[in-house]
Amino acid sequence: MPASLLQQQLQQLRAQLAEQSTLSDSERDELLSLSLQIEQQLAQDMGGVADGNLVDGVNLAVERFEVDHPTLSVTLRSIVQGLANMGI
C-alpha cells in the first residue's frame, strides 16, 4: 500500500474522530496520538527500523473500540494492514 493511501486513511480517522460525539476526551486523545505517531513513522525513511510498538498500539485500539465504535475499528484495521504491507 502506498504511503498516500495510508495518509488518506489517517485523514479518514481524523474526520471520524471529529464526528464521534460519544468518545471521551481521553479516547479521542489516544487515537489522535496514534495517528501522529503513524505520520511520524511515515515521514521517516521507510527503510528505517519498523516500530512494533506502534502497530501493537493500533491493534490494541482496534480491540478497545470494536464493540462501541465499529466504524473506527474498521478504519484502524485498514491502517494496521497498510502498516503491515509497508513493513512497519
PDB file of N, CA and C in Angstrom:
ATOM      1  N   MET A   1       0.850  -1.176   0.000  1.00  0.00           N
ATOM      2  CA  MET A   1       0.000   0.000   0.000  1.00  0.00           C
ATOM      3  C   MET A   1       0.891   1.233   0.000  1.00  0.00           C
ATOM      4  N   PRO A   2       0.652   2.117  -0.930  1.00  0.00           N
ATOM      5  CA  PRO A   2       1.445   3.343  -0.954  1.00  0.00           C
ATOM      6  C   PRO A   2       1.171   4.211   0.271  1.00  0.00           C
ATOM      7  N   ALA A   3       2.166   5.011   0.612  1.00  0.00           N
ATOM      8  CA  ALA A   3       2.026   5.889   1.770  1.00  0.00           C
ATOM      9  C   ALA A   3       0.865   6.859   1.591  1.00  0.00           C
ATOM     10  N   SER A   4       0.578   7.256   0.357  1.00  0.00           N
ATOM     11  CA  SER A   4      -0.523   8.198   0.127  1.00  0.00           C
ATOM     12  C   SER A   4      -1.869   7.590   0.526  1.00  0.00           C
ATOM     13  N   LEU A   5      -2.041   6.297   0.295  1.00  0.00           N
ATOM     14  CA  LEU A   5      -3.282   5.634   0.699  1.00  0.00           C
ATOM     15  C   LEU A   5      -3.397   5.589   2.220  1.00  0.00           C
ATOM     16  N   LEU A   6      -2.287   5.341   2.872  1.00  0.00           N
ATOM     17  CA  LEU A   6      -2.273   5.326   4.335  1.00  0.00           C
ATOM     18  C   LEU A   6      -2.563   6.726   4.871  1.00  0.00           C
ATOM     19  N   GLN A   7      -2.037   7.748   4.218  1.00  0.00           N
ATOM     20  CA  GLN A   7      -2.342   9.123   4.619  1.00  0.00           C
ATOM     21  C   GLN A   7      -3.838   9.401   4.503  1.00  0.00           C
ATOM     22  N   GLN A   8      -4.464   8.887   3.448  1.00  0.00           N
ATOM     23  CA  GLN A   8      -5.905   9.063   3.275  1.00  0.00           C
ATOM     24  C   GLN A   8      -6.672   8.390   4.407  1.00  0.00           C
ATOM     25  N   GLN A   9      -6.221   7.218   4.808  1.00  0.00           N
ATOM     26  CA  GLN A   9      -6.877   6.514   5.909  1.00  0.00           C
ATOM     27  C   GLN A   9      -6.707   7.277   7.218  1.00  0.00           C
ATOM     28  N   LEU A  10      -5.552   7.889   7.408  1.00  0.00           N
ATOM     29  CA  LEU A  10      -5.337   8.699   8.607  1.00  0.00           C
ATOM     30  C   LEU A  10      -6.246   9.923   8.604  1.00  0.00           C
ATOM     31  N   GLN A  11      -6.437  10.527   7.441  1.00  0.00           N
ATOM     32  CA  GLN A  11      -7.359  11.658   7.334  1.00  0.00           C
ATOM     33  C   GLN A  11      -8.790  11.210   7.628  1.00  0.00           C
ATOM     34  N   GLN A  12      -9.138  10.029   7.134  1.00  0.00           N
ATOM     35  CA  GLN A  12     -10.470   9.483   7.405  1.00  0.00           C
ATOM     36  C   GLN A  12     -10.646   9.255   8.905  1.00  0.00           C
ATOM     37  N   LEU A  13      -9.617   8.738   9.562  1.00  0.00           N
ATOM     38  CA  LEU A  13      -9.680   8.519  11.006  1.00  0.00           C
ATOM     39  C   LEU A  13      -9.901   9.844  11.737  1.00  0.00           C
ATOM     40  N   ARG A  14      -9.153  10.882  11.351  1.00  0.00           N
ATOM     41  CA  ARG A  14      -9.314  12.179  11.998  1.00  0.00           C
ATOM     42  C   ARG A  14     -10.727  12.734  11.793  1.00  0.00           C
ATOM     43  N   ALA A  15     -11.267  12.552  10.594  1.00  0.00           N
ATOM     44  CA  ALA A  15     -12.634  13.013  10.321  1.00  0.00           C
ATOM     45  C   ALA A  15     -13.637  12.265  11.196  1.00  0.00           C
ATOM     46  N   GLN A  16     -13.443  10.968  11.342  1.00  0.00           N
ATOM     47  CA  GLN A  16     -14.336  10.173  12.189  1.00  0.00           C
ATOM     48  C   GLN A  16     -14.228  10.615  13.652  1.00  0.00           C
ATOM     49  N   LEU A  17     -13.023  10.932  14.087  1.00  0.00           N
ATOM     50  CA  LEU A  17     -12.834  11.388  15.466  1.00  0.00           C
ATOM     51  C   LEU A  17     -13.554  12.714  15.701  1.00  0.00           C
ATOM     52  N   ALA A  18     -13.543  13.578  14.708  1.00  0.00           N
ATOM     53  CA  ALA A  18     -14.221  14.862  14.839  1.00  0.00           C
ATOM     54  C   ALA A  18     -15.735  14.689  14.907  1.00  0.00           C
ATOM     55  N   GLU A  19     -16.244  13.637  14.256  1.00  0.00           N
ATOM     56  CA  GLU A  19     -17.685  13.398  14.212  1.00  0.00           C
ATOM     57  C   GLU A  19     -18.206  12.603  15.399  1.00  0.00           C
ATOM     58  N   GLN A  20     -17.345  11.839  16.047  1.00  0.00           N
ATOM     59  CA  GLN A  20     -17.763  10.958  17.139  1.00  0.00           C
ATOM     60  C   GLN A  20     -18.003  11.749  18.417  1.00  0.00           C
ATOM     61  N   SER A  21     -19.240  11.932  18.766  1.00  0.00           N
ATOM     62  CA  SER A  21     -19.554  12.663  19.992  1.00  0.00           C
ATOM     63  C   SER A  21     -19.550  11.756  21.218  1.00  0.00           C
ATOM     64  N   THR A  22     -19.528  10.448  21.001  1.00  0.00           N
ATOM     65  CA  THR A  22     -19.589   9.516  22.125  1.00  0.00           C
ATOM     66  C   THR A  22     -18.207   9.146  22.666  1.00  0.00           C
ATOM     67  N   LEU A  23     -17.152   9.622  22.033  1.00  0.00           N
ATOM     68  CA  LEU A  23     -15.802   9.352  22.526  1.00  0.00           C
ATOM     69  C   LEU A  23     -15.483  10.279  23.691  1.00  0.00           C
ATOM     70  N   SER A  24     -14.809   9.730  24.676  1.00  0.00           N
ATOM     71  CA  SER A  24     -14.336  10.586  25.762  1.00  0.00           C
ATOM     72  C   SER A  24     -13.123  11.369  25.265  1.00  0.00           C
ATOM     73  N   ASP A  25     -12.769  12.405  25.987  1.00  0.00           N
ATOM     74  CA  ASP A  25     -11.597  13.198  25.613  1.00  0.00           C
ATOM     75  C   ASP A  25     -10.335  12.335  25.620  1.00  0.00           C
ATOM     76  N   SER A  26     -10.222  11.440  26.586  1.00  0.00           N
ATOM     77  CA  SER A  26      -9.027  10.590  26.662  1.00  0.00           C
ATOM     78  C   SER A  26      -8.979   9.604  25.499  1.00  0.00           C
ATOM     79  N   GLU A  27     -10.121   9.071  25.091  1.00  0.00           N
ATOM     80  CA  GLU A  27     -10.156   8.161  23.942  1.00  0.00           C
ATOM     81  C   GLU A  27      -9.766   8.902  22.664  1.00  0.00           C
ATOM     82  N   ARG A  28     -10.324  10.090  22.492  1.00  0.00           N
ATOM     83  CA  ARG A  28     -10.010  10.900  21.317  1.00  0.00           C
ATOM     84  C   ARG A  28      -8.515  11.245  21.296  1.00  0.00           C
ATOM     85  N   ASP A  29      -7.980  11.645  22.453  1.00  0.00           N
ATOM     86  CA  ASP A  29      -6.557  11.981  22.552  1.00  0.00           C
ATOM     87  C   ASP A  29      -5.679  10.778  22.233  1.00  0.00           C
ATOM     88  N   GLU A  30      -6.087   9.602  22.709  1.00  0.00           N
ATOM     89  CA  GLU A  30      -5.323   8.382  22.438  1.00  0.00           C
ATOM     90  C   GLU A  30      -5.240   8.107  20.938  1.00  0.00           C
ATOM     91  N   LEU A  31      -6.371   8.225  20.255  1.00  0.00           N
ATOM     92  CA  LEU A  31      -6.393   7.943  18.823  1.00  0.00           C
ATOM     93  C   LEU A  31      -5.677   9.028  18.025  1.00  0.00           C
ATOM     94  N   LEU A  32      -5.782  10.262  18.438  1.00  0.00           N
ATOM     95  CA  LEU A  32      -5.042  11.331  17.763  1.00  0.00           C
ATOM     96  C   LEU A  32      -3.539  11.146  17.948  1.00  0.00           C
ATOM     97  N   SER A  33      -3.139  10.715  19.125  1.00  0.00           N
ATOM     98  CA  SER A  33      -1.730  10.449  19.386  1.00  0.00           C
ATOM     99  C   SER A  33      -1.216   9.314  18.494  1.00  0.00           C
ATOM    100  N   LEU A  34      -2.018   8.261  18.362  1.00  0.00           N
ATOM    101  CA  LEU A  34      -1.632   7.164  17.474  1.00  0.00           C
ATOM    102  C   LEU A  34      -1.488   7.637  16.031  1.00  0.00           C
ATOM    103  N   SER A  35      -2.407   8.473  15.583  1.00  0.00           N
ATOM    104  CA  SER A  35      -2.334   8.957  14.199  1.00  0.00           C
ATOM    105  C   SER A  35      -1.082   9.809  13.992  1.00  0.00           C
ATOM    106  N   LEU A  36      -0.719  10.605  14.987  1.00  0.00           N
ATOM    107  CA  LEU A  36       0.507  11.409  14.892  1.00  0.00           C
ATOM    108  C   LEU A  36       1.747  10.515  14.862  1.00  0.00           C
ATOM    109  N   GLN A  37       1.749   9.471  15.664  1.00  0.00           N
ATOM    110  CA  GLN A  37       2.876   8.541  15.665  1.00  0.00           C
ATOM    111  C   GLN A  37       3.024   7.862  14.308  1.00  0.00           C
ATOM    112  N   ILE A  38       1.907   7.511  13.701  1.00  0.00           N
ATOM    113  CA  ILE A  38       1.941   6.873  12.382  1.00  0.00           C
ATOM    114  C   ILE A  38       2.486   7.856  11.350  1.00  0.00           C
ATOM    115  N   GLU A  39       2.027   9.095  11.411  1.00  0.00           N
ATOM    116  CA  GLU A  39       2.530  10.107  10.484  1.00  0.00           C
ATOM    117  C   GLU A  39       4.028  10.314  10.651  1.00  0.00           C
ATOM    118  N   GLN A  40       4.502  10.324  11.882  1.00  0.00           N
ATOM    119  CA  GLN A  40       5.935  10.473  12.128  1.00  0.00           C
ATOM    120  C   GLN A  40       6.708   9.297  11.549  1.00  0.00           C
ATOM    121  N   GLN A  41       6.165   8.102  11.690  1.00  0.00           N
ATOM    122  CA  GLN A  41       6.813   6.922  11.130  1.00  0.00           C
ATOM    123  C   GLN A  41       6.872   7.019   9.611  1.00  0.00           C
ATOM    124  N   LEU A  42       5.788   7.493   9.004  1.00  0.00           N
ATOM    125  CA  LEU A  42       5.755   7.645   7.553  1.00  0.00           C
ATOM    126  C   LEU A  42       6.721   8.715   7.074  1.00  0.00           C
ATOM    127  N   ALA A  43       6.919   9.750   7.876  1.00  0.00           N
ATOM    128  CA  ALA A  43       7.820  10.837   7.493  1.00  0.00           C
ATOM    129  C   ALA A  43       9.282  10.397   7.520  1.00  0.00           C
ATOM    130  N   GLN A  44       9.573   9.396   8.324  1.00  0.00           N
ATOM    131  CA  GLN A  44      10.940   8.878   8.389  1.00  0.00           C
ATOM    132  C   GLN A  44      11.223   8.065   7.138  1.00  0.00           C
ATOM    133  N   ASP A  45      12.468   7.811   6.920  1.00  0.00           N
ATOM    134  CA  ASP A  45      12.871   6.977   5.794  1.00  0.00           C
ATOM    135  C   ASP A  45      12.232   5.608   5.952  1.00  0.00           C
ATOM    136  N   MET A  46      11.493   5.163   4.933  1.00  0.00           N
ATOM    137  CA  MET A  46      10.786   3.890   5.015  1.00  0.00           C
ATOM    138  C   MET A  46      11.737   2.705   5.120  1.00  0.00           C
ATOM    139  N   GLY A  47      12.980   2.895   4.842  1.00  0.00           N
ATOM    140  CA  GLY A  47      13.955   1.823   5.000  1.00  0.00           C
ATOM    141  C   GLY A  47      14.444   1.700   6.425  1.00  0.00           C
ATOM    142  N   GLY A  48      13.940   2.567   7.288  1.00  0.00           N
ATOM    143  CA  GLY A  48      14.370   2.588   8.679  1.00  0.00           C
ATOM    144  C   GLY A  48      13.807   1.431   9.479  1.00  0.00           C
ATOM    145  N   VAL A  49      14.005   1.513  10.761  1.00  0.00           N
ATOM    146  CA  VAL A  49      13.558   0.464  11.668  1.00  0.00           C
ATOM    147  C   VAL A  49      12.054   0.573  11.885  1.00  0.00           C
ATOM    148  N   ALA A  50      11.384  -0.547  11.755  1.00  0.00           N
ATOM    149  CA  ALA A  50       9.942  -0.586  11.987  1.00  0.00           C
ATOM    150  C   ALA A  50       9.664  -0.499  13.477  1.00  0.00           C
ATOM    151  N   ASP A  51       8.620   0.209  13.829  1.00  0.00           N
ATOM    152  CA  ASP A  51       8.243   0.378  15.224  1.00  0.00           C
ATOM    153  C   ASP A  51       7.121  -0.602  15.568  1.00  0.00           C
ATOM    154  N   GLY A  52       7.482  -1.730  16.162  1.00  0.00           N
ATOM    155  CA  GLY A  52       6.499  -2.742  16.529  1.00  0.00           C
ATOM    156  C   GLY A  52       5.525  -2.251  17.578  1.00  0.00           C
ATOM    157  N   ASN A  53       5.974  -1.340  18.453  1.00  0.00           N
ATOM    158  CA  ASN A  53       5.084  -0.792  19.476  1.00  0.00           C
ATOM    159  C   ASN A  53       3.949   0.007  18.853  1.00  0.00           C
ATOM    160  N   LEU A  54       4.233   0.657  17.743  1.00  0.00           N
ATOM    161  CA  LEU A  54       3.209   1.440  17.064  1.00  0.00           C
ATOM    162  C   LEU A  54       2.094   0.529  16.566  1.00  0.00           C
ATOM    163  N   VAL A  55       2.451  -0.548  15.897  1.00  0.00           N
ATOM    164  CA  VAL A  55       1.458  -1.495  15.388  1.00  0.00           C
ATOM    165  C   VAL A  55       0.696  -2.139  16.544  1.00  0.00           C
ATOM    166  N   ASP A  56       1.404  -2.471  17.609  1.00  0.00           N
ATOM    167  CA  ASP A  56       0.738  -3.036  18.788  1.00  0.00           C
ATOM    168  C   ASP A  56      -0.276  -2.053  19.367  1.00  0.00           C
ATOM    169  N   GLY A  57       0.094  -0.780  19.402  1.00  0.00           N
ATOM    170  CA  GLY A  57      -0.813   0.239  19.923  1.00  0.00           C
ATOM    171  C   GLY A  57      -2.073   0.373  19.082  1.00  0.00           C
ATOM    172  N   VAL A  58      -1.914   0.300  17.758  1.00  0.00           N
ATOM    173  CA  VAL A  58      -3.082   0.394  16.882  1.00  0.00           C
ATOM    174  C   VAL A  58      -3.949  -0.854  17.044  1.00  0.00           C
ATOM    175  N   ASN A  59      -3.314  -2.027  17.142  1.00  0.00           N
ATOM    176  CA  ASN A  59      -4.075  -3.266  17.349  1.00  0.00           C
ATOM    177  C   ASN A  59      -4.866  -3.229  18.660  1.00  0.00           C
ATOM    178  N   LEU A  60      -4.260  -2.694  19.701  1.00  0.00           N
ATOM    179  CA  LEU A  60      -4.968  -2.568  20.977  1.00  0.00           C
ATOM    180  C   LEU A  60      -6.154  -1.614  20.851  1.00  0.00           C
ATOM    181  N   ALA A  61      -5.967  -0.549  20.084  1.00  0.00           N
ATOM    182  CA  ALA A  61      -7.075   0.389  19.871  1.00  0.00           C
ATOM    183  C   ALA A  61      -8.208  -0.279  19.100  1.00  0.00           C
ATOM    184  N   VAL A  62      -7.871  -1.132  18.138  1.00  0.00           N
ATOM    185  CA  VAL A  62      -8.903  -1.866  17.391  1.00  0.00           C
ATOM    186  C   VAL A  62      -9.739  -2.690  18.362  1.00  0.00           C
ATOM    187  N   GLU A  63      -9.057  -3.436  19.230  1.00  0.00           N
ATOM    188  CA  GLU A  63      -9.762  -4.276  20.192  1.00  0.00           C
ATOM    189  C   GLU A  63     -10.606  -3.439  21.158  1.00  0.00           C
ATOM    190  N   ARG A  64     -10.063  -2.320  21.565  1.00  0.00           N
ATOM    191  CA  ARG A  64     -10.747  -1.485  22.552  1.00  0.00           C
ATOM    192  C   ARG A  64     -12.018  -0.854  21.992  1.00  0.00           C
ATOM    193  N   PHE A  65     -11.997  -0.460  20.723  1.00  0.00           N
ATOM    194  CA  PHE A  65     -13.106   0.297  20.153  1.00  0.00           C
ATOM    195  C   PHE A  65     -14.048  -0.518  19.280  1.00  0.00           C
ATOM    196  N   GLU A  66     -13.753  -1.799  19.038  1.00  0.00           N
ATOM    197  CA  GLU A  66     -14.548  -2.532  18.056  1.00  0.00           C
ATOM    198  C   GLU A  66     -16.010  -2.745  18.457  1.00  0.00           C
ATOM    199  N   VAL A  67     -16.314  -2.818  19.718  1.00  0.00           N
ATOM    200  CA  VAL A  67     -17.704  -3.033  20.138  1.00  0.00           C
ATOM    201  C   VAL A  67     -18.506  -1.732  20.096  1.00  0.00           C
ATOM    202  N   ASP A  68     -17.963  -0.692  20.704  1.00  0.00           N
ATOM    203  CA  ASP A  68     -18.709   0.568  20.825  1.00  0.00           C
ATOM    204  C   ASP A  68     -18.554   1.497  19.615  1.00  0.00           C
ATOM    205  N   HIS A  69     -17.480   1.337  18.870  1.00  0.00           N
ATOM    206  CA  HIS A  69     -17.204   2.223  17.732  1.00  0.00           C
ATOM    207  C   HIS A  69     -16.710   1.397  16.540  1.00  0.00           C
ATOM    208  N   PRO A  70     -17.587   0.596  15.949  1.00  0.00           N
ATOM    209  CA  PRO A  70     -17.159  -0.311  14.872  1.00  0.00           C
ATOM    210  C   PRO A  70     -16.602   0.406  13.643  1.00  0.00           C
ATOM    211  N   THR A  71     -17.098   1.581  13.328  1.00  0.00           N
ATOM    212  CA  THR A  71     -16.582   2.305  12.165  1.00  0.00           C
ATOM    213  C   THR A  71     -15.127   2.708  12.384  1.00  0.00           C
ATOM    214  N   LEU A  72     -14.818   3.167  13.578  1.00  0.00           N
ATOM    215  CA  LEU A  72     -13.430   3.495  13.906  1.00  0.00           C
ATOM    216  C   LEU A  72     -12.553   2.254  13.820  1.00  0.00           C
ATOM    217  N   SER A  73     -13.064   1.141  14.300  1.00  0.00           N
ATOM    218  CA  SER A  73     -12.289  -0.102  14.275  1.00  0.00           C
ATOM    219  C   SER A  73     -11.961  -0.538  12.855  1.00  0.00           C
ATOM    220  N   VAL A  74     -12.916  -0.380  11.945  1.00  0.00           N
ATOM    221  CA  VAL A  74     -12.671  -0.747  10.548  1.00  0.00           C
ATOM    222  C   VAL A  74     -11.545   0.113   9.977  1.00  0.00           C
ATOM    223  N   THR A  75     -11.591   1.401  10.251  1.00  0.00           N
ATOM    224  CA  THR A  75     -10.540   2.296   9.765  1.00  0.00           C
ATOM    225  C   THR A  75      -9.197   1.936  10.387  1.00  0.00           C
ATOM    226  N   LEU A  76      -9.193   1.653  11.681  1.00  0.00           N
ATOM    227  CA  LEU A  76      -7.954   1.278  12.353  1.00  0.00           C
ATOM    228  C   LEU A  76      -7.388  -0.032  11.799  1.00  0.00           C
ATOM    229  N   ARG A  77      -8.264  -0.985  11.498  1.00  0.00           N
ATOM    230  CA  ARG A  77      -7.791  -2.249  10.900  1.00  0.00           C
ATOM    231  C   ARG A  77      -7.149  -1.994   9.538  1.00  0.00           C
ATOM    232  N   SER A  78      -7.741  -1.114   8.766  1.00  0.00           N
ATOM    233  CA  SER A  78      -7.166  -0.767   7.458  1.00  0.00           C
ATOM    234  C   SER A  78      -5.785  -0.138   7.623  1.00  0.00           C
ATOM    235  N   ILE A  79      -5.653   0.688   8.649  1.00  0.00           N
ATOM    236  CA  ILE A  79      -4.363   1.317   8.922  1.00  0.00           C
ATOM    237  C   ILE A  79      -3.331   0.266   9.324  1.00  0.00           C
ATOM    238  N   VAL A  80      -3.729  -0.680  10.175  1.00  0.00           N
ATOM    239  CA  VAL A  80      -2.819  -1.760  10.577  1.00  0.00           C
ATOM    240  C   VAL A  80      -2.373  -2.554   9.349  1.00  0.00           C
ATOM    241  N   GLN A  81      -3.317  -2.878   8.473  1.00  0.00           N
ATOM    242  CA  GLN A  81      -2.974  -3.627   7.273  1.00  0.00           C
ATOM    243  C   GLN A  81      -2.028  -2.826   6.383  1.00  0.00           C
ATOM    244  N   GLY A  82      -2.290  -1.533   6.267  1.00  0.00           N
ATOM    245  CA  GLY A  82      -1.404  -0.673   5.477  1.00  0.00           C
ATOM    246  C   GLY A  82       0.002  -0.625   6.046  1.00  0.00           C
ATOM    247  N   LEU A  83       0.103  -0.522   7.363  1.00  0.00           N
ATOM    248  CA  LEU A  83       1.418  -0.534   8.006  1.00  0.00           C
ATOM    249  C   LEU A  83       2.137  -1.852   7.767  1.00  0.00           C
ATOM    250  N   ALA A  84       1.395  -2.942   7.889  1.00  0.00           N
ATOM    251  CA  ALA A  84       1.986  -4.263   7.658  1.00  0.00           C
ATOM    252  C   ALA A  84       2.467  -4.406   6.214  1.00  0.00           C
ATOM    253  N   ASN A  85       1.682  -3.930   5.270  1.00  0.00           N
ATOM    254  CA  ASN A  85       2.071  -4.005   3.866  1.00  0.00           C
ATOM    255  C   ASN A  85       3.322  -3.190   3.566  1.00  0.00           C
ATOM    256  N   MET A  86       3.529  -2.145   4.350  1.00  0.00           N
ATOM    257  CA  MET A  86       4.699  -1.306   4.149  1.00  0.00           C
ATOM    258  C   MET A  86       5.907  -1.796   4.961  1.00  0.00           C
ATOM    259  N   GLY A  87       5.706  -2.860   5.722  1.00  0.00           N
ATOM    260  CA  GLY A  87       6.799  -3.411   6.504  1.00  0.00           C
ATOM    261  C   GLY A  87       7.034  -2.703   7.820  1.00  0.00           C
ATOM    262  N   ILE A  88       6.028  -1.996   8.278  1.00  0.00           N
ATOM    263  CA  ILE A  88       6.155  -1.274   9.553  1.00  0.00           C
ATOM    264  C   ILE A  88       5.526  -2.103  10.657  1.00  0.00           C
TER     265      ILE A  88
END
